[in-house]
Amino acid sequence: MDKIALEQRLAELKTKQSMIDNAWKKTGNRELLQFFVEILPKTINAERVSIFIHDPVDSHIWVHCGTNVEERQIKVPQSGSVVGRTIANGKPIFENNMQQQMGAHDNVAIKTGYVTYNTLCVPVRGVTTDKITGAIQAINKVGMNEFTEGDLTILEKLAFHIQMHIENIYLRQEMAKISSQMSDAITQLERKLKSL
């Protein structure tokens, strides 16, 4: 490939990478999801609610928005966490007596200073695929009570209504991976150009 062809290819790759980066930076309806996170604790009488995104690239799960946490402040592995189990099996999970169990919630407690006693977690399915793209987790029912089937119904309704937003975030992670690969290709082309 001659220098002119390499320069044209490099310009094309840079344009595509810029388009992917711009799409990735658009976070969709973050304000809407944050609104749900703010009203849900009052609705189901929980101390906290978080919306998690499954990262298809490295199989980790990270918080997109939640009560008193920043985006990506909490990352949990797919194995060893309630959220991970929910995503893996595609079914809601009620867990009580969490302080008597070892798991990812212990690491989160160390990081945030917040202790989980009980939780209810529901999966969020993709609209266009049958993949689980995220989860909604409610933590610590007020008054040391346990979460109910009524709470489950509310969280499942929310999961249905936000599934498109979560899937868009899930797919943007794939776009970020492609952008990274394109960046590597651009770097290689720039090296070739310098050597010509």
N, C-alpha and C. Protein backbone atom coordinates (compact mmCIF):
# COMPACT_ATOMS: atom_id res chain seq x y z
N MET A 1 0.85 -1.18 0.00
CA MET A 1 0.00 0.00 0.00
C MET A 1 0.90 1.24 0.00
N ASP A 2 0.65 2.17 -0.91
CA ASP A 2 1.48 3.36 -0.98
C ASP A 2 1.05 4.39 0.06
N LYS A 3 1.86 5.44 0.18
CA LYS A 3 1.64 6.45 1.22
C LYS A 3 0.28 7.15 1.07
N ILE A 4 -0.12 7.49 -0.14
CA ILE A 4 -1.40 8.19 -0.36
C ILE A 4 -2.57 7.30 0.05
N ALA A 5 -2.51 6.02 -0.32
CA ALA A 5 -3.58 5.08 0.06
C ALA A 5 -3.65 4.91 1.58
N LEU A 6 -2.47 4.85 2.23
CA LEU A 6 -2.44 4.74 3.69
C LEU A 6 -3.04 5.98 4.35
N GLU A 7 -2.71 7.15 3.82
CA GLU A 7 -3.26 8.39 4.38
C GLU A 7 -4.78 8.45 4.22
N GLN A 8 -5.29 8.00 3.07
CA GLN A 8 -6.74 7.97 2.86
C GLN A 8 -7.40 6.98 3.83
N ARG A 9 -6.79 5.81 3.98
CA ARG A 9 -7.33 4.79 4.90
C ARG A 9 -7.32 5.32 6.33
N LEU A 10 -6.25 5.99 6.70
CA LEU A 10 -6.14 6.57 8.03
C LEU A 10 -7.23 7.61 8.26
N ALA A 11 -7.48 8.47 7.29
CA ALA A 11 -8.53 9.49 7.41
C ALA A 11 -9.90 8.84 7.56
N GLU A 12 -10.16 7.77 6.80
CA GLU A 12 -11.44 7.05 6.91
C GLU A 12 -11.61 6.45 8.30
N LEU A 13 -10.55 5.80 8.80
CA LEU A 13 -10.62 5.19 10.13
C LEU A 13 -10.85 6.24 11.22
N LYS A 14 -10.17 7.37 11.10
CA LYS A 14 -10.34 8.44 12.10
C LYS A 14 -11.77 8.97 12.09
N THR A 15 -12.36 9.11 10.92
CA THR A 15 -13.75 9.57 10.81
C THR A 15 -14.70 8.57 11.46
N LYS A 16 -14.50 7.29 11.14
CA LYS A 16 -15.36 6.25 11.74
C LYS A 16 -15.20 6.20 13.25
N GLN A 17 -13.95 6.30 13.71
CA GLN A 17 -13.72 6.27 15.15
C GLN A 17 -14.40 7.45 15.84
N SER A 18 -14.34 8.61 15.23
CA SER A 18 -14.98 9.80 15.79
C SER A 18 -16.49 9.59 15.89
N MET A 19 -17.09 9.00 14.86
CA MET A 19 -18.54 8.74 14.88
C MET A 19 -18.89 7.76 16.01
N ILE A 20 -18.09 6.72 16.17
CA ILE A 20 -18.34 5.73 17.22
C ILE A 20 -18.18 6.38 18.59
N ASP A 21 -17.11 7.16 18.76
CA ASP A 21 -16.89 7.84 20.05
C ASP A 21 -18.04 8.77 20.40
N ASN A 22 -18.54 9.52 19.41
CA ASN A 22 -19.67 10.42 19.67
C ASN A 22 -20.92 9.65 20.06
N ALA A 23 -21.17 8.53 19.40
CA ALA A 23 -22.33 7.69 19.76
C ALA A 23 -22.16 7.13 21.16
N TRP A 24 -20.95 6.74 21.51
CA TRP A 24 -20.67 6.17 22.83
C TRP A 24 -20.90 7.19 23.94
N LYS A 25 -20.53 8.44 23.67
CA LYS A 25 -20.65 9.48 24.70
C LYS A 25 -22.10 9.84 25.01
N LYS A 26 -23.00 9.58 24.08
CA LYS A 26 -24.41 9.86 24.33
C LYS A 26 -24.93 8.80 25.29
N THR A 27 -25.36 9.22 26.46
CA THR A 27 -25.73 8.25 27.49
C THR A 27 -27.21 7.92 27.48
N GLY A 28 -27.93 8.35 26.48
CA GLY A 28 -29.34 7.99 26.42
C GLY A 28 -30.14 8.75 27.47
N ASN A 29 -31.08 8.08 28.06
CA ASN A 29 -31.98 8.71 29.02
C ASN A 29 -31.50 8.52 30.46
N ARG A 30 -30.29 8.96 30.74
CA ARG A 30 -29.74 8.83 32.09
C ARG A 30 -30.64 9.53 33.11
N GLU A 31 -31.16 10.70 32.73
CA GLU A 31 -32.01 11.44 33.66
C GLU A 31 -33.26 10.64 34.02
N LEU A 32 -33.84 9.96 33.05
CA LEU A 32 -35.03 9.14 33.30
C LEU A 32 -34.69 7.99 34.25
N LEU A 33 -33.58 7.31 33.99
CA LEU A 33 -33.18 6.20 34.86
C LEU A 33 -32.86 6.69 36.26
N GLN A 34 -32.21 7.85 36.36
CA GLN A 34 -31.91 8.41 37.68
C GLN A 34 -33.20 8.79 38.42
N PHE A 35 -34.18 9.27 37.69
CA PHE A 35 -35.48 9.59 38.29
C PHE A 35 -36.10 8.33 38.91
N PHE A 36 -36.06 7.22 38.19
CA PHE A 36 -36.60 5.96 38.73
C PHE A 36 -35.84 5.55 40.00
N VAL A 37 -34.53 5.73 39.97
CA VAL A 37 -33.72 5.37 41.13
C VAL A 37 -34.08 6.24 42.34
N GLU A 38 -34.49 7.47 42.09
CA GLU A 38 -34.86 8.37 43.17
C GLU A 38 -36.24 8.05 43.75
N ILE A 39 -37.21 7.66 42.90
CA ILE A 39 -38.56 7.43 43.42
C ILE A 39 -38.81 5.99 43.88
N LEU A 40 -38.07 5.04 43.33
CA LEU A 40 -38.32 3.64 43.68
C LEU A 40 -38.14 3.31 45.16
N PRO A 41 -37.10 3.81 45.81
CA PRO A 41 -36.98 3.48 47.23
C PRO A 41 -38.22 3.87 48.04
N LYS A 42 -38.81 5.01 47.72
CA LYS A 42 -40.04 5.42 48.41
C LYS A 42 -41.21 4.51 48.05
N THR A 43 -41.24 4.08 46.79
CA THR A 43 -42.35 3.27 46.31
C THR A 43 -42.38 1.89 46.95
N ILE A 44 -41.20 1.26 47.07
CA ILE A 44 -41.16 -0.10 47.62
C ILE A 44 -40.60 -0.15 49.03
N ASN A 45 -40.37 1.02 49.62
CA ASN A 45 -39.90 1.10 51.00
C ASN A 45 -38.53 0.44 51.18
N ALA A 46 -37.61 0.80 50.28
CA ALA A 46 -36.24 0.28 50.35
C ALA A 46 -35.29 1.44 50.64
N GLU A 47 -34.13 1.10 51.19
CA GLU A 47 -33.15 2.15 51.44
C GLU A 47 -32.46 2.61 50.16
N ARG A 48 -32.19 1.65 49.26
CA ARG A 48 -31.47 1.97 48.04
C ARG A 48 -31.97 1.15 46.86
N VAL A 49 -31.80 1.72 45.67
CA VAL A 49 -32.09 1.02 44.41
C VAL A 49 -30.97 1.38 43.44
N SER A 50 -30.51 0.38 42.69
CA SER A 50 -29.48 0.60 41.68
C SER A 50 -29.87 -0.09 40.38
N ILE A 51 -29.45 0.52 39.28
CA ILE A 51 -29.63 -0.09 37.96
C ILE A 51 -28.24 -0.47 37.46
N PHE A 52 -28.07 -1.76 37.19
CA PHE A 52 -26.78 -2.31 36.75
C PHE A 52 -26.80 -2.63 35.27
N ILE A 53 -25.64 -2.50 34.65
CA ILE A 53 -25.45 -2.83 33.25
C ILE A 53 -24.47 -3.99 33.16
N HIS A 54 -24.82 -4.98 32.33
CA HIS A 54 -23.92 -6.11 32.10
C HIS A 54 -22.95 -5.71 30.99
N ASP A 55 -21.67 -5.86 31.24
CA ASP A 55 -20.67 -5.54 30.24
C ASP A 55 -20.35 -6.80 29.45
N PRO A 56 -20.77 -6.87 28.18
CA PRO A 56 -20.55 -8.08 27.40
C PRO A 56 -19.09 -8.31 27.03
N VAL A 57 -18.25 -7.29 27.19
CA VAL A 57 -16.85 -7.40 26.82
C VAL A 57 -16.06 -8.16 27.88
N ASP A 58 -16.21 -7.79 29.14
CA ASP A 58 -15.42 -8.45 30.19
C ASP A 58 -16.26 -9.19 31.23
N SER A 59 -17.54 -9.33 30.98
CA SER A 59 -18.46 -10.08 31.86
C SER A 59 -18.56 -9.50 33.27
N HIS A 60 -18.20 -8.25 33.44
CA HIS A 60 -18.43 -7.59 34.72
C HIS A 60 -19.77 -6.86 34.65
N ILE A 61 -20.23 -6.46 35.79
CA ILE A 61 -21.49 -5.74 35.90
C ILE A 61 -21.20 -4.47 36.67
N TRP A 62 -21.67 -3.35 36.16
CA TRP A 62 -21.38 -2.08 36.82
C TRP A 62 -22.66 -1.27 37.01
N VAL A 63 -22.64 -0.42 38.03
CA VAL A 63 -23.82 0.39 38.33
C VAL A 63 -23.85 1.58 37.37
N HIS A 64 -25.01 1.75 36.73
CA HIS A 64 -25.20 2.91 35.84
C HIS A 64 -25.70 4.10 36.65
N CYS A 65 -26.68 3.86 37.50
CA CYS A 65 -27.14 4.89 38.42
C CYS A 65 -27.73 4.19 39.64
N GLY A 66 -27.61 4.85 40.77
CA GLY A 66 -28.11 4.25 42.00
C GLY A 66 -28.16 5.26 43.12
N THR A 67 -28.78 4.86 44.20
CA THR A 67 -28.91 5.72 45.38
C THR A 67 -27.54 5.93 46.01
N ASN A 68 -27.10 7.17 46.06
CA ASN A 68 -25.84 7.56 46.70
C ASN A 68 -24.59 6.89 46.12
N VAL A 69 -24.62 6.54 44.84
CA VAL A 69 -23.43 6.02 44.17
C VAL A 69 -23.28 6.68 42.80
N GLU A 70 -22.05 6.78 42.36
CA GLU A 70 -21.74 7.35 41.06
C GLU A 70 -21.70 6.25 40.01
N GLU A 71 -21.87 6.64 38.75
CA GLU A 71 -21.77 5.69 37.66
C GLU A 71 -20.42 4.97 37.71
N ARG A 72 -20.47 3.65 37.58
CA ARG A 72 -19.31 2.75 37.60
C ARG A 72 -18.57 2.72 38.92
N GLN A 73 -19.12 3.35 39.98
CA GLN A 73 -18.47 3.29 41.29
C GLN A 73 -18.47 1.86 41.81
N ILE A 74 -19.51 1.12 41.47
CA ILE A 74 -19.61 -0.27 41.92
C ILE A 74 -19.54 -1.17 40.70
N LYS A 75 -18.59 -2.10 40.75
CA LYS A 75 -18.47 -3.15 39.73
C LYS A 75 -18.46 -4.48 40.46
N VAL A 76 -19.24 -5.42 39.97
CA VAL A 76 -19.27 -6.74 40.59
C VAL A 76 -19.04 -7.79 39.53
N PRO A 77 -18.46 -8.91 39.93
CA PRO A 77 -18.25 -9.99 38.96
C PRO A 77 -19.56 -10.72 38.70
N GLN A 78 -19.59 -11.43 37.59
CA GLN A 78 -20.79 -12.18 37.26
C GLN A 78 -20.99 -13.34 38.24
N SER A 79 -19.89 -13.90 38.72
CA SER A 79 -20.03 -14.97 39.72
C SER A 79 -19.76 -14.39 41.10
N GLY A 80 -20.49 -14.85 42.07
CA GLY A 80 -20.27 -14.40 43.45
C GLY A 80 -21.05 -13.18 43.86
N SER A 81 -22.01 -12.75 43.03
CA SER A 81 -22.84 -11.60 43.40
C SER A 81 -24.29 -11.91 43.10
N VAL A 82 -25.19 -11.29 43.84
CA VAL A 82 -26.63 -11.48 43.60
C VAL A 82 -26.98 -10.95 42.21
N VAL A 83 -26.46 -9.78 41.86
CA VAL A 83 -26.74 -9.21 40.55
C VAL A 83 -26.23 -10.13 39.45
N GLY A 84 -25.03 -10.67 39.63
CA GLY A 84 -24.46 -11.60 38.65
C GLY A 84 -25.29 -12.86 38.49
N ARG A 85 -25.77 -13.39 39.59
CA ARG A 85 -26.62 -14.59 39.52
C ARG A 85 -27.93 -14.27 38.80
N THR A 86 -28.49 -13.10 39.07
CA THR A 86 -29.73 -12.69 38.41
C THR A 86 -29.53 -12.60 36.90
N ILE A 87 -28.41 -12.00 36.50
CA ILE A 87 -28.12 -11.86 35.07
C ILE A 87 -27.84 -13.22 34.45
N ALA A 88 -27.12 -14.08 35.16
CA ALA A 88 -26.77 -15.40 34.63
C ALA A 88 -28.00 -16.30 34.44
N ASN A 89 -28.92 -16.29 35.43
CA ASN A 89 -30.06 -17.22 35.32
C ASN A 89 -31.33 -16.55 34.79
N GLY A 90 -31.34 -15.22 34.68
CA GLY A 90 -32.49 -14.53 34.11
C GLY A 90 -33.73 -14.55 34.98
N LYS A 91 -33.55 -14.79 36.28
CA LYS A 91 -34.69 -14.86 37.20
C LYS A 91 -34.48 -13.93 38.39
N PRO A 92 -35.57 -13.42 38.95
CA PRO A 92 -35.46 -12.57 40.14
C PRO A 92 -34.89 -13.36 41.32
N ILE A 93 -34.21 -12.65 42.21
CA ILE A 93 -33.65 -13.27 43.41
C ILE A 93 -34.02 -12.44 44.62
N PHE A 94 -34.58 -13.11 45.62
CA PHE A 94 -34.79 -12.54 46.95
C PHE A 94 -33.66 -13.11 47.82
N GLU A 95 -32.93 -12.26 48.53
CA GLU A 95 -31.89 -12.73 49.46
C GLU A 95 -32.09 -12.03 50.79
N ASN A 96 -32.10 -12.81 51.84
CA ASN A 96 -32.19 -12.27 53.19
C ASN A 96 -30.95 -12.69 53.97
N ASN A 97 -30.70 -12.08 55.11
CA ASN A 97 -29.55 -12.40 55.95
C ASN A 97 -28.23 -12.29 55.19
N MET A 98 -28.10 -11.25 54.40
CA MET A 98 -26.88 -11.06 53.59
C MET A 98 -25.63 -10.89 54.45
N GLN A 99 -25.78 -10.31 55.65
CA GLN A 99 -24.63 -10.09 56.51
C GLN A 99 -24.03 -11.41 57.00
N GLN A 100 -24.77 -12.51 56.84
CA GLN A 100 -24.27 -13.83 57.25
C GLN A 100 -23.68 -14.61 56.08
N GLN A 101 -23.64 -13.98 54.89
CA GLN A 101 -23.11 -14.63 53.69
C GLN A 101 -21.89 -13.87 53.19
N MET A 102 -20.96 -14.61 52.62
CA MET A 102 -19.79 -13.99 51.99
C MET A 102 -20.13 -13.74 50.53
N GLY A 103 -19.66 -12.62 49.99
CA GLY A 103 -19.92 -12.35 48.58
C GLY A 103 -19.43 -10.97 48.17
N ALA A 104 -19.78 -10.60 46.95
CA ALA A 104 -19.37 -9.31 46.39
C ALA A 104 -19.90 -8.15 47.23
N HIS A 105 -21.04 -8.35 47.90
CA HIS A 105 -21.61 -7.28 48.73
C HIS A 105 -20.66 -6.87 49.87
N ASP A 106 -19.79 -7.80 50.29
CA ASP A 106 -18.81 -7.46 51.32
C ASP A 106 -17.78 -6.46 50.78
N ASN A 107 -17.34 -6.67 49.54
CA ASN A 107 -16.40 -5.73 48.91
C ASN A 107 -17.04 -4.37 48.71
N VAL A 108 -18.31 -4.36 48.32
CA VAL A 108 -19.03 -3.11 48.14
C VAL A 108 -19.16 -2.39 49.49
N ALA A 109 -19.41 -3.14 50.56
CA ALA A 109 -19.52 -2.54 51.89
C ALA A 109 -18.21 -1.88 52.31
N ILE A 110 -17.10 -2.52 52.00
CA ILE A 110 -15.80 -1.94 52.33
C ILE A 110 -15.58 -0.67 51.53
N LYS A 111 -15.94 -0.69 50.26
CA LYS A 111 -15.72 0.45 49.37
C LYS A 111 -16.64 1.63 49.70
N THR A 112 -17.92 1.34 50.00
CA THR A 112 -18.91 2.41 50.18
C THR A 112 -19.28 2.67 51.64
N GLY A 113 -18.98 1.71 52.51
CA GLY A 113 -19.38 1.84 53.91
C GLY A 113 -20.85 1.49 54.14
N TYR A 114 -21.48 0.90 53.15
CA TYR A 114 -22.89 0.57 53.23
C TYR A 114 -23.07 -0.95 53.30
N VAL A 115 -23.78 -1.41 54.34
CA VAL A 115 -23.97 -2.85 54.58
C VAL A 115 -25.32 -3.30 54.03
N THR A 116 -25.31 -4.40 53.30
CA THR A 116 -26.53 -4.98 52.75
C THR A 116 -27.04 -6.07 53.69
N TYR A 117 -28.32 -5.96 54.06
CA TYR A 117 -28.95 -6.97 54.91
C TYR A 117 -29.87 -7.87 54.10
N ASN A 118 -30.63 -7.25 53.19
CA ASN A 118 -31.48 -8.05 52.29
C ASN A 118 -31.61 -7.34 50.96
N THR A 119 -31.99 -8.11 49.95
CA THR A 119 -32.05 -7.53 48.61
C THR A 119 -33.07 -8.26 47.75
N LEU A 120 -33.54 -7.54 46.75
CA LEU A 120 -34.38 -8.09 45.70
C LEU A 120 -33.78 -7.61 44.40
N CYS A 121 -33.51 -8.53 43.49
CA CYS A 121 -32.86 -8.19 42.23
C CYS A 121 -33.63 -8.83 41.08
N VAL A 122 -33.92 -8.03 40.04
CA VAL A 122 -34.63 -8.55 38.86
C VAL A 122 -33.81 -8.28 37.60
N PRO A 123 -33.87 -9.20 36.64
CA PRO A 123 -33.13 -9.00 35.39
C PRO A 123 -33.83 -8.02 34.46
N VAL A 124 -33.05 -7.40 33.59
CA VAL A 124 -33.58 -6.57 32.53
C VAL A 124 -33.17 -7.23 31.22
N ARG A 125 -34.16 -7.61 30.42
CA ARG A 125 -33.90 -8.28 29.14
C ARG A 125 -33.79 -7.26 28.03
N GLY A 126 -33.02 -7.62 27.01
CA GLY A 126 -32.90 -6.77 25.84
C GLY A 126 -34.19 -6.81 25.03
N VAL A 127 -34.45 -5.75 24.29
CA VAL A 127 -35.65 -5.65 23.46
C VAL A 127 -35.47 -6.48 22.19
N THR A 128 -34.30 -6.38 21.58
CA THR A 128 -34.08 -7.03 20.29
C THR A 128 -33.46 -8.41 20.40
N THR A 129 -32.97 -8.74 21.59
CA THR A 129 -32.39 -10.07 21.81
C THR A 129 -32.99 -10.64 23.08
N ASP A 130 -32.68 -11.89 23.33
CA ASP A 130 -33.14 -12.49 24.58
C ASP A 130 -32.05 -12.43 25.64
N LYS A 131 -31.02 -11.62 25.39
CA LYS A 131 -29.93 -11.49 26.35
C LYS A 131 -30.37 -10.66 27.55
N ILE A 132 -29.77 -10.97 28.69
CA ILE A 132 -29.98 -10.15 29.89
C ILE A 132 -28.95 -9.04 29.81
N THR A 133 -29.40 -7.80 29.71
CA THR A 133 -28.51 -6.67 29.51
C THR A 133 -28.22 -5.91 30.80
N GLY A 134 -28.97 -6.20 31.86
CA GLY A 134 -28.76 -5.52 33.12
C GLY A 134 -29.66 -6.06 34.20
N ALA A 135 -29.72 -5.33 35.30
CA ALA A 135 -30.54 -5.75 36.44
C ALA A 135 -30.89 -4.53 37.28
N ILE A 136 -31.98 -4.66 38.01
CA ILE A 136 -32.38 -3.64 38.98
C ILE A 136 -32.31 -4.31 40.35
N GLN A 137 -31.62 -3.66 41.28
CA GLN A 137 -31.46 -4.22 42.62
C GLN A 137 -31.96 -3.24 43.66
N ALA A 138 -32.85 -3.74 44.52
CA ALA A 138 -33.32 -2.97 45.68
C ALA A 138 -32.60 -3.55 46.90
N ILE A 139 -32.17 -2.67 47.80
CA ILE A 139 -31.40 -3.11 48.95
C ILE A 139 -32.04 -2.60 50.24
N ASN A 140 -32.09 -3.48 51.22
CA ASN A 140 -32.51 -3.18 52.59
C ASN A 140 -33.92 -2.60 52.70
N LYS A 141 -34.87 -3.49 52.82
CA LYS A 141 -36.25 -3.09 53.07
C LYS A 141 -36.28 -2.34 54.40
N VAL A 142 -36.92 -1.21 54.43
CA VAL A 142 -36.97 -0.37 55.63
C VAL A 142 -37.63 -1.15 56.77
N GLY A 143 -37.09 -0.96 57.97
CA GLY A 143 -37.64 -1.62 59.15
C GLY A 143 -37.19 -3.06 59.28
N MET A 144 -36.11 -3.42 58.59
CA MET A 144 -35.58 -4.79 58.62
C MET A 144 -36.62 -5.82 58.17
N ASN A 145 -37.60 -5.37 57.40
CA ASN A 145 -38.57 -6.30 56.83
C ASN A 145 -37.97 -6.97 55.60
N GLU A 146 -38.69 -7.89 55.01
CA GLU A 146 -38.25 -8.56 53.80
C GLU A 146 -39.03 -8.04 52.61
N PHE A 147 -38.41 -8.09 51.45
CA PHE A 147 -39.09 -7.67 50.22
C PHE A 147 -40.23 -8.63 49.91
N THR A 148 -41.26 -8.10 49.25
CA THR A 148 -42.48 -8.87 49.02
C THR A 148 -42.70 -9.15 47.52
N GLU A 149 -43.69 -9.96 47.25
CA GLU A 149 -44.09 -10.23 45.86
C GLU A 149 -44.59 -8.94 45.20
N GLY A 150 -45.22 -8.06 45.99
CA GLY A 150 -45.66 -6.76 45.46
C GLY A 150 -44.48 -5.91 45.01
N ASP A 151 -43.38 -5.95 45.79
CA ASP A 151 -42.15 -5.24 45.40
C ASP A 151 -41.60 -5.83 44.10
N LEU A 152 -41.63 -7.15 44.01
CA LEU A 152 -41.17 -7.84 42.80
C LEU A 152 -41.96 -7.38 41.57
N THR A 153 -43.27 -7.30 41.72
CA THR A 153 -44.12 -6.87 40.60
C THR A 153 -43.73 -5.47 40.12
N ILE A 154 -43.49 -4.55 41.06
CA ILE A 154 -43.11 -3.18 40.70
C ILE A 154 -41.77 -3.16 39.98
N LEU A 155 -40.78 -3.90 40.50
CA LEU A 155 -39.46 -3.91 39.86
C LEU A 155 -39.51 -4.56 38.48
N GLU A 156 -40.31 -5.60 38.32
CA GLU A 156 -40.44 -6.25 37.01
C GLU A 156 -41.10 -5.31 36.00
N LYS A 157 -42.08 -4.53 36.45
CA LYS A 157 -42.71 -3.55 35.54
C LYS A 157 -41.69 -2.51 35.11
N LEU A 158 -40.89 -2.03 36.05
CA LEU A 158 -39.86 -1.06 35.71
C LEU A 158 -38.86 -1.67 34.73
N ALA A 159 -38.44 -2.91 34.99
CA ALA A 159 -37.49 -3.59 34.10
C ALA A 159 -38.03 -3.64 32.69
N PHE A 160 -39.30 -3.91 32.54
CA PHE A 160 -39.91 -3.95 31.22
C PHE A 160 -39.87 -2.58 30.54
N HIS A 161 -40.16 -1.54 31.30
CA HIS A 161 -40.25 -0.20 30.71
C HIS A 161 -38.89 0.42 30.40
N ILE A 162 -37.83 -0.03 31.06
CA ILE A 162 -36.51 0.57 30.80
C ILE A 162 -35.62 -0.33 29.94
N GLN A 163 -36.16 -1.45 29.47
CA GLN A 163 -35.31 -2.41 28.76
C GLN A 163 -34.62 -1.83 27.53
N MET A 164 -35.28 -0.97 26.79
CA MET A 164 -34.65 -0.40 25.60
C MET A 164 -33.47 0.50 25.99
N HIS A 165 -33.62 1.28 27.05
CA HIS A 165 -32.56 2.17 27.49
C HIS A 165 -31.34 1.37 27.93
N ILE A 166 -31.58 0.30 28.67
CA ILE A 166 -30.48 -0.54 29.17
C ILE A 166 -29.79 -1.24 28.00
N GLU A 167 -30.58 -1.74 27.05
CA GLU A 167 -29.98 -2.41 25.90
C GLU A 167 -29.11 -1.45 25.09
N ASN A 168 -29.52 -0.20 24.96
CA ASN A 168 -28.71 0.78 24.24
C ASN A 168 -27.35 0.98 24.92
N ILE A 169 -27.35 1.03 26.25
CA ILE A 169 -26.10 1.18 26.99
C ILE A 169 -25.24 -0.07 26.79
N TYR A 170 -25.87 -1.23 26.87
CA TYR A 170 -25.20 -2.51 26.68
C TYR A 170 -24.52 -2.54 25.30
N LEU A 171 -25.24 -2.13 24.26
CA LEU A 171 -24.70 -2.15 22.90
C LEU A 171 -23.61 -1.10 22.71
N ARG A 172 -23.71 0.03 23.40
CA ARG A 172 -22.67 1.05 23.28
C ARG A 172 -21.33 0.55 23.82
N GLN A 173 -21.37 -0.39 24.76
CA GLN A 173 -20.13 -0.97 25.25
C GLN A 173 -19.42 -1.73 24.14
N GLU A 174 -20.21 -2.40 23.30
CA GLU A 174 -19.64 -3.09 22.14
C GLU A 174 -19.03 -2.07 21.18
N MET A 175 -19.69 -0.94 21.02
CA MET A 175 -19.16 0.11 20.15
C MET A 175 -17.85 0.64 20.70
N ALA A 176 -17.73 0.75 22.01
CA ALA A 176 -16.49 1.23 22.62
C ALA A 176 -15.35 0.26 22.33
N LYS A 177 -15.65 -1.03 22.36
CA LYS A 177 -14.63 -2.04 22.05
C LYS A 177 -14.17 -1.88 20.60
N ILE A 178 -15.12 -1.70 19.69
CA ILE A 178 -14.78 -1.51 18.28
C ILE A 178 -13.95 -0.24 18.11
N SER A 179 -14.30 0.82 18.83
CA SER A 179 -13.55 2.07 18.76
C SER A 179 -12.11 1.86 19.22
N SER A 180 -11.94 1.08 20.26
CA SER A 180 -10.60 0.79 20.77
C SER A 180 -9.78 0.02 19.73
N GLN A 181 -10.42 -0.94 19.08
CA GLN A 181 -9.74 -1.70 18.04
C GLN A 181 -9.37 -0.80 16.86
N MET A 182 -10.27 0.13 16.53
CA MET A 182 -9.97 1.05 15.44
C MET A 182 -8.81 1.97 15.82
N SER A 183 -8.75 2.37 17.06
CA SER A 183 -7.66 3.22 17.53
C SER A 183 -6.33 2.50 17.37
N ASP A 184 -6.31 1.21 17.69
CA ASP A 184 -5.09 0.42 17.50
C ASP A 184 -4.71 0.36 16.02
N ALA A 185 -5.70 0.18 15.15
CA ALA A 185 -5.44 0.12 13.71
C ALA A 185 -4.91 1.45 13.20
N ILE A 186 -5.45 2.55 13.72
CA ILE A 186 -4.98 3.89 13.33
C ILE A 186 -3.53 4.07 13.74
N THR A 187 -3.20 3.66 14.95
CA THR A 187 -1.82 3.77 15.44
C THR A 187 -0.87 2.99 14.55
N GLN A 188 -1.25 1.79 14.16
CA GLN A 188 -0.40 0.98 13.28
C GLN A 188 -0.21 1.65 11.92
N LEU A 189 -1.31 2.21 11.39
CA LEU A 189 -1.20 2.90 10.09
C LEU A 189 -0.30 4.13 10.20
N GLU A 190 -0.39 4.85 11.29
CA GLU A 190 0.46 6.03 11.48
C GLU A 190 1.93 5.63 11.54
N ARG A 191 2.22 4.51 12.17
CA ARG A 191 3.60 4.02 12.22
C ARG A 191 4.11 3.67 10.82
N LYS A 192 3.24 3.02 10.03
CA LYS A 192 3.62 2.67 8.67
C LYS A 192 3.90 3.92 7.85
N LEU A 193 3.05 4.95 8.04
CA LEU A 193 3.25 6.20 7.29
C LEU A 193 4.58 6.85 7.64
N LYS A 194 4.94 6.83 8.92
CA LYS A 194 6.20 7.44 9.34
C LYS A 194 7.40 6.70 8.76
N SER A 195 7.24 5.40 8.58
CA SER A 195 8.37 4.63 8.07
C SER A 195 8.54 4.76 6.54
N LEU A 196 7.53 5.31 5.87
CA LEU A 196 7.64 5.47 4.40
C LEU A 196 8.43 6.71 4.02
